Amino acid sequence: MDLEISITEAHALLSGDNPPLLLDVRELAEYATARINPSTHIPMGEIPGRALLELEEDAPILVLCHHGMRSLSVAAWLRQQGFERAQSVRGGIHAWSTSIDPTIPCY
């Protein structure tokens, strides 16, 4: 399983019958500005203290941030912790709002 997934692949998975968890790792102000529902919000800085308590190790997880850099770091960290199905959404919410859903604000 690749560490990154394209925005179109993520959209297809999230639209399916058994969607993965969408984990948004942006800061609260960013999440308040633009978000994809449903999603789970855990800011990147809180991941080490919360991931093992709140996320299912065997579940597929798509990690999302603004442009894809933070989510790539978080997905790699999650994989090191045993979350082997964690993937970063390439391009982040910016790519989502420009390619998938223009009703989500760009910032």
Protein backbone atom coordinates (compact mmCIF):
# COMPACT_ATOMS: atom_id res chain seq x y z
CA MET A 1 0.00 0.00 0.00
CA ASP A 2 1.44 3.36 -1.04
CA LEU A 3 2.04 5.98 1.63
CA GLU A 4 0.23 8.60 -0.48
CA ILE A 5 -3.09 8.41 -2.29
CA SER A 6 -4.37 10.77 -4.98
CA ILE A 7 -7.30 13.06 -4.38
CA THR A 8 -9.42 11.14 -6.92
CA GLU A 9 -8.59 7.79 -5.28
CA ALA A 10 -9.44 9.26 -1.87
CA HIS A 11 -12.75 10.59 -3.19
CA ALA A 12 -13.66 7.18 -4.60
CA LEU A 13 -12.86 5.44 -1.32
CA LEU A 14 -14.74 8.00 0.77
CA SER A 15 -17.76 7.68 -1.53
CA GLY A 16 -17.81 3.89 -1.26
CA ASP A 17 -19.89 1.56 0.87
CA ASN A 18 -17.24 1.10 3.56
CA PRO A 19 -15.29 4.38 3.67
CA PRO A 20 -12.01 4.73 5.54
CA LEU A 21 -11.57 7.11 8.45
CA LEU A 22 -10.70 10.60 7.21
CA LEU A 23 -8.25 12.06 9.72
CA ASP A 24 -7.78 15.83 9.45
CA VAL A 25 -4.53 16.94 11.11
CA ARG A 26 -4.79 20.70 10.50
CA GLU A 27 -5.08 23.27 13.27
CA LEU A 28 -8.50 24.12 14.70
CA ALA A 29 -8.77 27.46 12.85
CA GLU A 30 -8.03 25.71 9.54
CA TYR A 31 -10.55 23.00 10.28
CA ALA A 32 -13.16 25.63 11.15
CA THR A 33 -12.50 27.40 7.84
CA ALA A 34 -12.81 24.39 5.54
CA ARG A 35 -13.45 20.71 6.15
CA ILE A 36 -14.75 17.53 4.60
CA ASN A 37 -17.56 15.83 6.47
CA PRO A 38 -17.45 13.38 8.03
CA SER A 39 -13.90 13.61 9.33
CA THR A 40 -12.06 13.15 12.60
CA HIS A 41 -10.05 16.16 13.70
CA ILE A 42 -6.81 15.66 15.61
CA PRO A 43 -4.24 18.44 15.08
CA MET A 44 -0.80 17.19 14.06
CA GLY A 45 0.78 18.22 17.37
CA GLU A 46 -1.73 16.09 19.27
CA ILE A 47 -1.32 12.93 17.19
CA PRO A 48 1.39 11.31 19.37
CA GLY A 49 -0.72 11.65 22.50
CA ARG A 50 -4.07 10.71 21.00
CA ALA A 51 -3.57 8.33 18.06
CA LEU A 52 -2.97 5.17 20.04
CA LEU A 53 -5.99 5.92 22.24
CA GLU A 54 -8.47 7.10 19.60
CA LEU A 55 -7.62 5.40 16.30
CA GLU A 56 -8.05 1.75 15.31
CA GLU A 57 -4.73 0.23 14.32
CA ASP A 58 -6.25 -2.11 11.70
CA ALA A 59 -8.61 0.43 10.12
CA PRO A 60 -7.88 2.22 6.85
CA ILE A 61 -7.03 5.86 7.59
CA LEU A 62 -6.74 8.70 5.08
CA VAL A 63 -4.76 11.60 6.57
CA LEU A 64 -5.57 15.10 5.33
CA CYS A 65 -3.98 18.52 5.81
CA HIS A 66 -3.83 21.74 3.77
CA HIS A 67 -1.44 20.75 0.95
CA GLY A 68 -0.25 17.26 1.90
CA MET A 69 3.02 17.80 3.76
CA ARG A 70 1.78 17.47 7.35
CA SER A 71 -0.43 14.56 6.40
CA LEU A 72 2.52 12.78 4.80
CA SER A 73 4.52 13.15 8.03
CA VAL A 74 1.60 11.94 10.14
CA ALA A 75 0.87 8.98 7.85
CA ALA A 76 4.54 7.94 8.00
CA TRP A 77 4.52 8.25 11.80
CA LEU A 78 1.31 6.25 12.06
CA ARG A 79 2.83 3.51 9.92
CA GLN A 80 5.83 3.37 12.27
CA GLN A 81 3.38 2.90 15.16
CA GLY A 82 1.67 -0.06 13.46
CA PHE A 83 -1.15 1.69 11.57
CA GLU A 84 -0.20 -0.07 8.33
CA ARG A 85 -3.25 1.16 6.41
CA ALA A 86 -2.60 4.88 6.98
CA GLN A 87 -2.22 6.95 3.81
CA SER A 88 -1.70 10.65 3.14
CA VAL A 89 -4.07 12.43 0.76
CA ARG A 90 -1.79 14.10 -1.81
CA GLY A 91 -2.61 17.78 -2.31
CA GLY A 92 -4.71 18.03 0.86
CA ILE A 93 -7.91 19.96 1.25
CA HIS A 94 -6.69 22.55 -1.24
CA ALA A 95 -6.68 19.92 -4.00
CA TRP A 96 -10.04 18.61 -2.77
CA SER A 97 -11.65 22.06 -3.00
CA THR A 98 -10.17 22.78 -6.45
CA SER A 99 -10.76 19.33 -7.99
CA ILE A 100 -13.57 17.58 -6.11
CA ASP A 101 -15.79 20.05 -4.21
CA PRO A 102 -15.55 23.77 -5.03
CA THR A 103 -18.03 24.58 -2.24
CA ILE A 104 -15.22 23.97 0.25
CA PRO A 105 -13.36 27.27 0.66
CA CYS A 106 -9.74 27.62 -0.44
CA TYR A 107 -7.51 29.49 1.97
